[in-house]
Amino acid sequence: AAQAVAEGIRSRVKALAIPHIKSVVSDSVTLSLGVAAVSQSQNSPKMLIEAADKALYRAKSGGRDRVAISD
């Protein structure tokens, strides 16, 4: 469900076509999002943030304007 929410947010921002004049990556504002979940045995906030951060950087390195899910 989190992936669907993230994808909805990403696509809605893209549809706004907000100009991003100074960007060397895109003419308009885009989002890259990292989605993560942790199990009951791995439930620390730090683990969740680290997993989401890793997913975010995978999204950015994969071409930006995308959603990546943690491993």
Protein backbone atom coordinates (compact mmCIF):
# COMPACT_ATOMS: atom_id res chain seq x y z
CA ALA A 1 0.00 0.00 0.00
CA ALA A 2 2.88 2.38 0.78
CA GLN A 3 4.26 1.90 -2.72
CA ALA A 4 0.89 2.84 -4.23
CA VAL A 5 0.68 5.98 -2.08
CA ALA A 6 4.22 6.99 -3.03
CA GLU A 7 3.55 6.40 -6.72
CA GLY A 8 0.36 8.48 -6.50
CA ILE A 9 2.24 11.37 -4.92
CA ARG A 10 5.03 11.12 -7.51
CA SER A 11 2.66 11.11 -10.46
CA ARG A 12 0.55 13.99 -9.11
CA VAL A 13 3.61 16.18 -8.64
CA LYS A 14 4.78 15.35 -12.17
CA ALA A 15 1.34 16.19 -13.56
CA LEU A 16 1.58 19.68 -12.05
CA ALA A 17 4.48 20.40 -14.45
CA ILE A 18 6.05 22.92 -12.07
CA PRO A 19 8.93 24.60 -13.92
CA HIS A 20 12.40 23.82 -12.54
CA ILE A 21 14.41 26.39 -14.44
CA LYS A 22 17.79 25.87 -12.73
CA SER A 23 17.76 22.08 -12.89
CA VAL A 24 20.22 20.26 -15.11
CA VAL A 25 18.18 17.06 -14.65
CA SER A 26 14.64 18.03 -15.63
CA ASP A 27 12.66 21.00 -16.94
CA SER A 28 10.03 20.43 -14.25
CA VAL A 29 9.97 19.40 -10.60
CA THR A 30 9.98 15.62 -10.06
CA LEU A 31 10.13 13.37 -7.03
CA SER A 32 12.17 10.35 -6.15
CA LEU A 33 10.81 8.43 -3.18
CA GLY A 34 12.12 5.60 -1.05
CA VAL A 35 9.60 3.28 0.62
CA ALA A 36 10.49 1.00 3.52
CA ALA A 37 8.86 -1.21 6.11
CA VAL A 38 10.36 -3.12 9.01
CA SER A 39 9.33 -6.36 10.65
CA GLN A 40 8.39 -6.76 14.30
CA SER A 41 11.91 -7.97 15.09
CA GLN A 42 13.46 -4.98 13.31
CA ASN A 43 11.24 -2.19 14.50
CA SER A 44 13.61 0.60 15.47
CA PRO A 45 13.00 4.01 13.91
CA LYS A 46 16.69 4.13 12.94
CA MET A 47 16.37 0.91 10.89
CA LEU A 48 13.27 2.22 9.12
CA ILE A 49 14.92 5.54 8.25
CA GLU A 50 18.07 3.81 7.00
CA ALA A 51 16.05 1.42 4.81
CA ALA A 52 14.00 4.28 3.33
CA ASP A 53 17.14 6.33 2.72
CA LYS A 54 18.81 3.45 0.85
CA ALA A 55 15.68 3.02 -1.28
CA LEU A 56 15.60 6.76 -2.00
CA TYR A 57 19.18 6.75 -3.25
CA ARG A 58 18.42 3.71 -5.43
CA ALA A 59 15.53 5.67 -6.94
CA LYS A 60 17.76 8.66 -7.61
CA SER A 61 20.56 6.59 -9.12
CA GLY A 62 18.04 4.66 -11.22
CA GLY A 63 17.13 7.79 -13.16
CA ARG A 64 15.15 9.89 -10.69
CA ASP A 65 11.40 10.58 -10.86
CA ARG A 66 10.63 7.12 -9.52
CA VAL A 67 9.69 5.10 -6.46
CA ALA A 68 12.05 2.47 -5.03
CA ILE A 69 11.16 -0.09 -2.38
CA SER A 70 13.62 -1.20 0.30
CA ASP A 71 15.02 -4.72 0.17
